[in-house]
Amino acid sequence: MADEFIKGFGILTTAGLGWLMIAATYNTPSFEGQQLTAPNPSPETLGVYGQLIVLLKDVLFWVAILGALTFWVVIPAIEQAREALAE
């Protein structure tokens, strides 16, 4: 179980750090207002690479959440179900 925990934690940490860096760059319009969770900038001001980075931010968010849940909940549940069926 420790193996699954550290895999999930590694995915959560790595993807979360990537999301945090991109959100800090693109979603912090001012230090007095909303930070990290502010709306994305308009696509006209970003360009192609900026739009790809904003898409990458959304992908990293879901990889962090679903990756951690997969290794912390889904895989251990499958292993316990497999053990219960074997008995």
PDB file of N, CA and C in Angstrom:
ATOM      1  N   MET A   1       0.808  -1.199   0.000  1.00  0.00           N
ATOM      2  CA  MET A   1       0.000   0.000   0.000  1.00  0.00           C
ATOM      3  C   MET A   1       0.849   1.261   0.000  1.00  0.00           C
ATOM      4  N   ALA A   2       2.025   1.170   0.607  1.00  0.00           N
ATOM      5  CA  ALA A   2       2.891   2.352   0.641  1.00  0.00           C
ATOM      6  C   ALA A   2       3.341   2.712  -0.770  1.00  0.00           C
ATOM      7  N   ASP A   3       3.482   1.709  -1.620  1.00  0.00           N
ATOM      8  CA  ASP A   3       3.890   1.953  -2.999  1.00  0.00           C
ATOM      9  C   ASP A   3       2.829   2.761  -3.743  1.00  0.00           C
ATOM     10  N   GLU A   4       1.568   2.397  -3.576  1.00  0.00           N
ATOM     11  CA  GLU A   4       0.495   3.142  -4.230  1.00  0.00           C
ATOM     12  C   GLU A   4       0.374   4.554  -3.673  1.00  0.00           C
ATOM     13  N   PHE A   5       0.587   4.687  -2.363  1.00  0.00           N
ATOM     14  CA  PHE A   5       0.483   6.014  -1.764  1.00  0.00           C
ATOM     15  C   PHE A   5       1.533   6.958  -2.335  1.00  0.00           C
ATOM     16  N   ILE A   6       2.764   6.500  -2.442  1.00  0.00           N
ATOM     17  CA  ILE A   6       3.828   7.396  -2.908  1.00  0.00           C
ATOM     18  C   ILE A   6       3.678   7.690  -4.395  1.00  0.00           C
ATOM     19  N   LYS A   7       3.148   6.757  -5.167  1.00  0.00           N
ATOM     20  CA  LYS A   7       2.877   7.030  -6.580  1.00  0.00           C
ATOM     21  C   LYS A   7       1.805   8.098  -6.723  1.00  0.00           C
ATOM     22  N   GLY A   8       0.716   7.960  -5.972  1.00  0.00           N
ATOM     23  CA  GLY A   8      -0.340   8.969  -6.006  1.00  0.00           C
ATOM     24  C   GLY A   8       0.140  10.314  -5.511  1.00  0.00           C
ATOM     25  N   PHE A   9       0.953  10.306  -4.460  1.00  0.00           N
ATOM     26  CA  PHE A   9       1.486  11.553  -3.922  1.00  0.00           C
ATOM     27  C   PHE A   9       2.436  12.220  -4.914  1.00  0.00           C
ATOM     28  N   GLY A  10       3.231  11.424  -5.619  1.00  0.00           N
ATOM     29  CA  GLY A  10       4.129  11.973  -6.632  1.00  0.00           C
ATOM     30  C   GLY A  10       3.375  12.612  -7.787  1.00  0.00           C
ATOM     31  N   ILE A  11       2.313  11.957  -8.229  1.00  0.00           N
ATOM     32  CA  ILE A  11       1.491  12.524  -9.301  1.00  0.00           C
ATOM     33  C   ILE A  11       0.823  13.809  -8.827  1.00  0.00           C
ATOM     34  N   LEU A  12       0.262  13.778  -7.612  1.00  0.00           N
ATOM     35  CA  LEU A  12      -0.398  14.958  -7.058  1.00  0.00           C
ATOM     36  C   LEU A  12       0.583  16.122  -6.919  1.00  0.00           C
ATOM     37  N   THR A  13       1.766  15.852  -6.427  1.00  0.00           N
ATOM     38  CA  THR A  13       2.759  16.904  -6.215  1.00  0.00           C
ATOM     39  C   THR A  13       3.269  17.476  -7.535  1.00  0.00           C
ATOM     40  N   THR A  14       3.613  16.618  -8.467  1.00  0.00           N
ATOM     41  CA  THR A  14       4.175  17.079  -9.738  1.00  0.00           C
ATOM     42  C   THR A  14       3.155  17.833 -10.574  1.00  0.00           C
ATOM     43  N   ALA A  15       1.979  17.251 -10.738  1.00  0.00           N
ATOM     44  CA  ALA A  15       0.940  17.923 -11.525  1.00  0.00           C
ATOM     45  C   ALA A  15       0.434  19.166 -10.808  1.00  0.00           C
ATOM     46  N   GLY A  16       0.350  19.114  -9.481  1.00  0.00           N
ATOM     47  CA  GLY A  16      -0.079  20.283  -8.724  1.00  0.00           C
ATOM     48  C   GLY A  16       0.909  21.424  -8.825  1.00  0.00           C
ATOM     49  N   LEU A  17       2.192  21.118  -8.811  1.00  0.00           N
ATOM     50  CA  LEU A  17       3.207  22.161  -8.963  1.00  0.00           C
ATOM     51  C   LEU A  17       3.147  22.778 -10.355  1.00  0.00           C
ATOM     52  N   GLY A  18       2.941  21.953 -11.383  1.00  0.00           N
ATOM     53  CA  GLY A  18       2.792  22.488 -12.733  1.00  0.00           C
ATOM     54  C   GLY A  18       1.576  23.390 -12.845  1.00  0.00           C
ATOM     55  N   TRP A  19       0.444  22.951 -12.270  1.00  0.00           N
ATOM     56  CA  TRP A  19      -0.762  23.790 -12.275  1.00  0.00           C
ATOM     57  C   TRP A  19      -0.512  25.092 -11.535  1.00  0.00           C
ATOM     58  N   LEU A  20       0.151  25.015 -10.405  1.00  0.00           N
ATOM     59  CA  LEU A  20       0.413  26.206  -9.592  1.00  0.00           C
ATOM     60  C   LEU A  20       1.283  27.213 -10.335  1.00  0.00           C
ATOM     61  N   MET A  21       2.301  26.746 -11.029  1.00  0.00           N
ATOM     62  CA  MET A  21       3.187  27.660 -11.759  1.00  0.00           C
ATOM     63  C   MET A  21       2.465  28.334 -12.920  1.00  0.00           C
ATOM     64  N   ILE A  22       1.669  27.566 -13.657  1.00  0.00           N
ATOM     65  CA  ILE A  22       0.937  28.150 -14.785  1.00  0.00           C
ATOM     66  C   ILE A  22      -0.144  29.099 -14.288  1.00  0.00           C
ATOM     67  N   ALA A  23      -0.868  28.704 -13.224  1.00  0.00           N
ATOM     68  CA  ALA A  23      -1.914  29.570 -12.685  1.00  0.00           C
ATOM     69  C   ALA A  23      -1.324  30.850 -12.113  1.00  0.00           C
ATOM     70  N   ALA A  24      -0.153  30.755 -11.502  1.00  0.00           N
ATOM     71  CA  ALA A  24       0.484  31.960 -10.962  1.00  0.00           C
ATOM     72  C   ALA A  24       0.895  32.910 -12.080  1.00  0.00           C
ATOM     73  N   THR A  25       1.259  32.368 -13.230  1.00  0.00           N
ATOM     74  CA  THR A  25       1.680  33.210 -14.339  1.00  0.00           C
ATOM     75  C   THR A  25       0.491  33.823 -15.071  1.00  0.00           C
ATOM     76  N   TYR A  26      -0.526  33.018 -15.359  1.00  0.00           N
ATOM     77  CA  TYR A  26      -1.615  33.464 -16.222  1.00  0.00           C
ATOM     78  C   TYR A  26      -2.867  33.924 -15.474  1.00  0.00           C
ATOM     79  N   ASN A  27      -3.021  33.564 -14.208  1.00  0.00           N
ATOM     80  CA  ASN A  27      -4.259  33.867 -13.506  1.00  0.00           C
ATOM     81  C   ASN A  27      -4.056  34.744 -12.273  1.00  0.00           C
ATOM     82  N   THR A  28      -3.028  35.560 -12.283  1.00  0.00           N
ATOM     83  CA  THR A  28      -2.815  36.522 -11.206  1.00  0.00           C
ATOM     84  C   THR A  28      -2.722  37.907 -11.833  1.00  0.00           C
ATOM     85  N   PRO A  29      -3.870  38.559 -12.065  1.00  0.00           N
ATOM     86  CA  PRO A  29      -3.840  39.866 -12.719  1.00  0.00           C
ATOM     87  C   PRO A  29      -3.255  40.955 -11.820  1.00  0.00           C
ATOM     88  N   SER A  30      -3.481  40.865 -10.511  1.00  0.00           N
ATOM     89  CA  SER A  30      -2.911  41.839  -9.581  1.00  0.00           C
ATOM     90  C   SER A  30      -2.754  41.168  -8.227  1.00  0.00           C
ATOM     91  N   PHE A  31      -1.873  41.685  -7.425  1.00  0.00           N
ATOM     92  CA  PHE A  31      -1.647  41.089  -6.122  1.00  0.00           C
ATOM     93  C   PHE A  31      -2.678  41.530  -5.095  1.00  0.00           C
ATOM     94  N   GLU A  32      -3.479  42.527  -5.426  1.00  0.00           N
ATOM     95  CA  GLU A  32      -4.520  42.973  -4.511  1.00  0.00           C
ATOM     96  C   GLU A  32      -5.820  42.199  -4.707  1.00  0.00           C
ATOM     97  N   GLY A  33      -6.005  41.609  -5.864  1.00  0.00           N
ATOM     98  CA  GLY A  33      -7.257  40.940  -6.188  1.00  0.00           C
ATOM     99  C   GLY A  33      -7.150  39.430  -6.068  1.00  0.00           C
ATOM    100  N   GLN A  34      -7.975  38.760  -6.837  1.00  0.00           N
ATOM    101  CA  GLN A  34      -8.040  37.305  -6.838  1.00  0.00           C
ATOM    102  C   GLN A  34      -6.779  36.729  -7.474  1.00  0.00           C
ATOM    103  N   GLN A  35      -6.216  35.717  -6.845  1.00  0.00           N
ATOM    104  CA  GLN A  35      -5.003  35.100  -7.356  1.00  0.00           C
ATOM    105  C   GLN A  35      -5.215  33.608  -7.577  1.00  0.00           C
ATOM    106  N   LEU A  36      -4.568  33.058  -8.572  1.00  0.00           N
ATOM    107  CA  LEU A  36      -4.562  31.648  -8.951  1.00  0.00           C
ATOM    108  C   LEU A  36      -5.896  31.126  -9.460  1.00  0.00           C
ATOM    109  N   THR A  37      -7.010  31.620  -8.968  1.00  0.00           N
ATOM    110  CA  THR A  37      -8.313  31.136  -9.423  1.00  0.00           C
ATOM    111  C   THR A  37      -9.068  32.194 -10.215  1.00  0.00           C
ATOM    112  N   ALA A  38      -8.389  33.234 -10.626  1.00  0.00           N
ATOM    113  CA  ALA A  38      -9.023  34.261 -11.458  1.00  0.00           C
ATOM    114  C   ALA A  38      -9.349  33.651 -12.822  1.00  0.00           C
ATOM    115  N   PRO A  39     -10.265  34.237 -13.559  1.00  0.00           N
ATOM    116  CA  PRO A  39     -10.580  33.700 -14.894  1.00  0.00           C
ATOM    117  C   PRO A  39      -9.367  33.743 -15.821  1.00  0.00           C
ATOM    118  N   ASN A  40      -9.358  32.837 -16.772  1.00  0.00           N
ATOM    119  CA  ASN A  40      -8.270  32.808 -17.750  1.00  0.00           C
ATOM    120  C   ASN A  40      -8.313  34.069 -18.608  1.00  0.00           C
ATOM    121  N   PRO A  41      -7.149  34.518 -19.084  1.00  0.00           N
ATOM    122  CA  PRO A  41      -7.157  35.660 -20.003  1.00  0.00           C
ATOM    123  C   PRO A  41      -7.883  35.307 -21.306  1.00  0.00           C
ATOM    124  N   SER A  42      -8.312  36.312 -22.031  1.00  0.00           N
ATOM    125  CA  SER A  42      -9.037  36.051 -23.274  1.00  0.00           C
ATOM    126  C   SER A  42      -8.101  35.428 -24.306  1.00  0.00           C
ATOM    127  N   PRO A  43      -8.620  34.537 -25.138  1.00  0.00           N
ATOM    128  CA  PRO A  43      -7.776  33.857 -26.127  1.00  0.00           C
ATOM    129  C   PRO A  43      -7.129  34.812 -27.134  1.00  0.00           C
ATOM    130  N   GLU A  44      -7.748  35.962 -27.373  1.00  0.00           N
ATOM    131  CA  GLU A  44      -7.172  36.906 -28.341  1.00  0.00           C
ATOM    132  C   GLU A  44      -5.856  37.480 -27.834  1.00  0.00           C
ATOM    133  N   THR A  45      -5.707  37.647 -26.527  1.00  0.00           N
ATOM    134  CA  THR A  45      -4.482  38.227 -25.982  1.00  0.00           C
ATOM    135  C   THR A  45      -3.394  37.186 -25.750  1.00  0.00           C
ATOM    136  N   LEU A  46      -3.749  35.898 -25.770  1.00  0.00           N
ATOM    137  CA  LEU A  46      -2.772  34.862 -25.453  1.00  0.00           C
ATOM    138  C   LEU A  46      -1.954  34.404 -26.650  1.00  0.00           C
ATOM    139  N   GLY A  47      -2.575  34.217 -27.774  1.00  0.00           N
ATOM    140  CA  GLY A  47      -1.895  33.610 -28.898  1.00  0.00           C
ATOM    141  C   GLY A  47      -2.008  32.097 -28.817  1.00  0.00           C
ATOM    142  N   VAL A  48      -1.375  31.422 -29.757  1.00  0.00           N
ATOM    143  CA  VAL A  48      -1.505  29.968 -29.850  1.00  0.00           C
ATOM    144  C   VAL A  48      -0.816  29.287 -28.669  1.00  0.00           C
ATOM    145  N   TYR A  49       0.416  29.679 -28.362  1.00  0.00           N
ATOM    146  CA  TYR A  49       1.142  29.031 -27.281  1.00  0.00           C
ATOM    147  C   TYR A  49       0.502  29.315 -25.928  1.00  0.00           C
ATOM    148  N   GLY A  50      -0.006  30.483 -25.731  1.00  0.00           N
ATOM    149  CA  GLY A  50      -0.700  30.810 -24.498  1.00  0.00           C
ATOM    150  C   GLY A  50      -1.955  29.988 -24.319  1.00  0.00           C
ATOM    151  N   GLN A  51      -2.675  29.761 -25.402  1.00  0.00           N
ATOM    152  CA  GLN A  51      -3.872  28.926 -25.333  1.00  0.00           C
ATOM    153  C   GLN A  51      -3.507  27.478 -25.003  1.00  0.00           C
ATOM    154  N   LEU A  52      -2.407  26.994 -25.569  1.00  0.00           N
ATOM    155  CA  LEU A  52      -1.953  25.637 -25.255  1.00  0.00           C
ATOM    156  C   LEU A  52      -1.548  25.520 -23.785  1.00  0.00           C
ATOM    157  N   ILE A  53      -0.916  26.541 -23.257  1.00  0.00           N
ATOM    158  CA  ILE A  53      -0.498  26.507 -21.858  1.00  0.00           C
ATOM    159  C   ILE A  53      -1.711  26.539 -20.932  1.00  0.00           C
ATOM    160  N   VAL A  54      -2.724  27.330 -21.268  1.00  0.00           N
ATOM    161  CA  VAL A  54      -3.940  27.351 -20.459  1.00  0.00           C
ATOM    162  C   VAL A  54      -4.640  25.990 -20.532  1.00  0.00           C
ATOM    163  N   LEU A  55      -4.636  25.348 -21.693  1.00  0.00           N
ATOM    164  CA  LEU A  55      -5.177  23.995 -21.811  1.00  0.00           C
ATOM    165  C   LEU A  55      -4.358  23.020 -20.965  1.00  0.00           C
ATOM    166  N   LEU A  56      -3.035  23.159 -20.985  1.00  0.00           N
ATOM    167  CA  LEU A  56      -2.161  22.316 -20.176  1.00  0.00           C
ATOM    168  C   LEU A  56      -2.446  22.503 -18.688  1.00  0.00           C
ATOM    169  N   LYS A  57      -2.772  23.726 -18.287  1.00  0.00           N
ATOM    170  CA  LYS A  57      -3.119  23.990 -16.879  1.00  0.00           C
ATOM    171  C   LYS A  57      -4.341  23.187 -16.477  1.00  0.00           C
ATOM    172  N   ASP A  58      -5.364  23.167 -17.319  1.00  0.00           N
ATOM    173  CA  ASP A  58      -6.571  22.397 -17.019  1.00  0.00           C
ATOM    174  C   ASP A  58      -6.284  20.891 -16.991  1.00  0.00           C
ATOM    175  N   VAL A  59      -5.459  20.429 -17.915  1.00  0.00           N
ATOM    176  CA  VAL A  59      -5.104  19.011 -17.953  1.00  0.00           C
ATOM    177  C   VAL A  59      -4.327  18.622 -16.697  1.00  0.00           C
ATOM    178  N   LEU A  60      -3.376  19.457 -16.280  1.00  0.00           N
ATOM    179  CA  LEU A  60      -2.604  19.158 -15.077  1.00  0.00           C
ATOM    180  C   LEU A  60      -3.479  19.108 -13.826  1.00  0.00           C
ATOM    181  N   PHE A  61      -4.490  19.968 -13.758  1.00  0.00           N
ATOM    182  CA  PHE A  61      -5.408  19.939 -12.623  1.00  0.00           C
ATOM    183  C   PHE A  61      -6.102  18.594 -12.528  1.00  0.00           C
ATOM    184  N   TRP A  62      -6.639  18.131 -13.649  1.00  0.00           N
ATOM    185  CA  TRP A  62      -7.376  16.866 -13.622  1.00  0.00           C
ATOM    186  C   TRP A  62      -6.455  15.664 -13.477  1.00  0.00           C
ATOM    187  N   VAL A  63      -5.245  15.744 -13.998  1.00  0.00           N
ATOM    188  CA  VAL A  63      -4.277  14.659 -13.780  1.00  0.00           C
ATOM    189  C   VAL A  63      -3.937  14.560 -12.303  1.00  0.00           C
ATOM    190  N   ALA A  64      -3.769  15.686 -11.636  1.00  0.00           N
ATOM    191  CA  ALA A  64      -3.459  15.673 -10.209  1.00  0.00           C
ATOM    192  C   ALA A  64      -4.593  15.026  -9.419  1.00  0.00           C
ATOM    193  N   ILE A  65      -5.829  15.437  -9.684  1.00  0.00           N
ATOM    194  CA  ILE A  65      -6.966  14.912  -8.932  1.00  0.00           C
ATOM    195  C   ILE A  65      -7.222  13.433  -9.252  1.00  0.00           C
ATOM    196  N   LEU A  66      -7.356  13.120 -10.528  1.00  0.00           N
ATOM    197  CA  LEU A  66      -7.694  11.746 -10.905  1.00  0.00           C
ATOM    198  C   LEU A  66      -6.534  10.781 -10.689  1.00  0.00           C
ATOM    199  N   GLY A  67      -5.305  11.247 -10.863  1.00  0.00           N
ATOM    200  CA  GLY A  67      -4.148  10.385 -10.624  1.00  0.00           C
ATOM    201  C   GLY A  67      -4.026   9.993  -9.168  1.00  0.00           C
ATOM    202  N   ALA A  68      -4.182  10.963  -8.272  1.00  0.00           N
ATOM    203  CA  ALA A  68      -4.106  10.653  -6.846  1.00  0.00           C
ATOM    204  C   ALA A  68      -5.255   9.741  -6.421  1.00  0.00           C
ATOM    205  N   LEU A  69      -6.454  10.033  -6.878  1.00  0.00           N
ATOM    206  CA  LEU A  69      -7.595   9.182  -6.521  1.00  0.00           C
ATOM    207  C   LEU A  69      -7.451   7.764  -7.072  1.00  0.00           C
ATOM    208  N   THR A  70      -6.851   7.635  -8.231  1.00  0.00           N
ATOM    209  CA  THR A  70      -6.650   6.308  -8.809  1.00  0.00           C
ATOM    210  C   THR A  70      -5.741   5.470  -7.924  1.00  0.00           C
ATOM    211  N   PHE A  71      -4.615   6.038  -7.495  1.00  0.00           N
ATOM    212  CA  PHE A  71      -3.669   5.263  -6.703  1.00  0.00           C
ATOM    213  C   PHE A  71      -4.069   5.151  -5.243  1.00  0.00           C
ATOM    214  N   TRP A  72      -4.886   6.080  -4.731  1.00  0.00           N
ATOM    215  CA  TRP A  72      -5.270   6.031  -3.323  1.00  0.00           C
ATOM    216  C   TRP A  72      -6.578   5.319  -3.084  1.00  0.00           C
ATOM    217  N   VAL A  73      -7.470   5.277  -4.078  1.00  0.00           N
ATOM    218  CA  VAL A  73      -8.792   4.695  -3.860  1.00  0.00           C
ATOM    219  C   VAL A  73      -9.051   3.524  -4.803  1.00  0.00           C
ATOM    220  N   VAL A  74      -8.896   3.732  -6.096  1.00  0.00           N
ATOM    221  CA  VAL A  74      -9.322   2.738  -7.081  1.00  0.00           C
ATOM    222  C   VAL A  74      -8.454   1.489  -7.028  1.00  0.00           C
ATOM    223  N   ILE A  75      -7.140   1.629  -7.092  1.00  0.00           N
ATOM    224  CA  ILE A  75      -6.260   0.455  -7.112  1.00  0.00           C
ATOM    225  C   ILE A  75      -6.348  -0.343  -5.805  1.00  0.00           C
ATOM    226  N   PRO A  76      -6.302   0.303  -4.607  1.00  0.00           N
ATOM    227  CA  PRO A  76      -6.489  -0.504  -3.392  1.00  0.00           C
ATOM    228  C   PRO A  76      -7.856  -1.192  -3.312  1.00  0.00           C
ATOM    229  N   ALA A  77      -8.910  -0.538  -3.815  1.00  0.00           N
ATOM    230  CA  ALA A  77     -10.228  -1.175  -3.810  1.00  0.00           C
ATOM    231  C   ALA A  77     -10.254  -2.389  -4.730  1.00  0.00           C
ATOM    232  N   ILE A  78      -9.609  -2.289  -5.870  1.00  0.00           N
ATOM    233  CA  ILE A  78      -9.539  -3.432  -6.791  1.00  0.00           C
ATOM    234  C   ILE A  78      -8.751  -4.570  -6.167  1.00  0.00           C
ATOM    235  N   GLU A  79      -7.643  -4.246  -5.494  1.00  0.00           N
ATOM    236  CA  GLU A  79      -6.842  -5.298  -4.858  1.00  0.00           C
ATOM    237  C   GLU A  79      -7.609  -5.978  -3.731  1.00  0.00           C
ATOM    238  N   GLN A  80      -8.342  -5.208  -2.936  1.00  0.00           N
ATOM    239  CA  GLN A  80      -9.126  -5.820  -1.865  1.00  0.00           C
ATOM    240  C   GLN A  80     -10.272  -6.661  -2.420  1.00  0.00           C
ATOM    241  N   ALA A  81     -10.880  -6.204  -3.473  1.00  0.00           N
ATOM    242  CA  ALA A  81     -11.947  -6.989  -4.104  1.00  0.00           C
ATOM    243  C   ALA A  81     -11.376  -8.278  -4.676  1.00  0.00           C
ATOM    244  N   ARG A  82     -10.212  -8.213  -5.267  1.00  0.00           N
ATOM    245  CA  ARG A  82      -9.578  -9.400  -5.828  1.00  0.00           C
ATOM    246  C   ARG A  82      -9.236 -10.406  -4.716  1.00  0.00           C
ATOM    247  N   GLU A  83      -8.735  -9.898  -3.575  1.00  0.00           N
ATOM    248  CA  GLU A  83      -8.441 -10.776  -2.450  1.00  0.00           C
ATOM    249  C   GLU A  83      -9.723 -11.388  -1.879  1.00  0.00           C
ATOM    250  N   ALA A  84     -10.779 -10.602  -1.790  1.00  0.00           N
ATOM    251  CA  ALA A  84     -12.044 -11.121  -1.255  1.00  0.00           C
ATOM    252  C   ALA A  84     -12.633 -12.190  -2.168  1.00  0.00           C
ATOM    253  N   LEU A  85     -12.486 -12.011  -3.476  1.00  0.00           N
ATOM    254  CA  LEU A  85     -13.020 -13.013  -4.411  1.00  0.00           C
ATOM    255  C   LEU A  85     -12.175 -14.273  -4.411  1.00  0.00           C
ATOM    256  N   ALA A  86     -10.878 -14.142  -4.109  1.00  0.00           N
ATOM    257  CA  ALA A  86     -10.012 -15.315  -4.087  1.00  0.00           C
ATOM    258  C   ALA A  86     -10.302 -16.216  -2.895  1.00  0.00           C
ATOM    259  N   GLU A  87     -10.824 -15.652  -1.817  1.00  0.00           N
ATOM    260  CA  GLU A  87     -11.113 -16.461  -0.613  1.00  0.00           C
ATOM    261  C   GLU A  87     -12.358 -17.204  -0.720  1.00  0.00           C
TER     262      GLU A  87
END
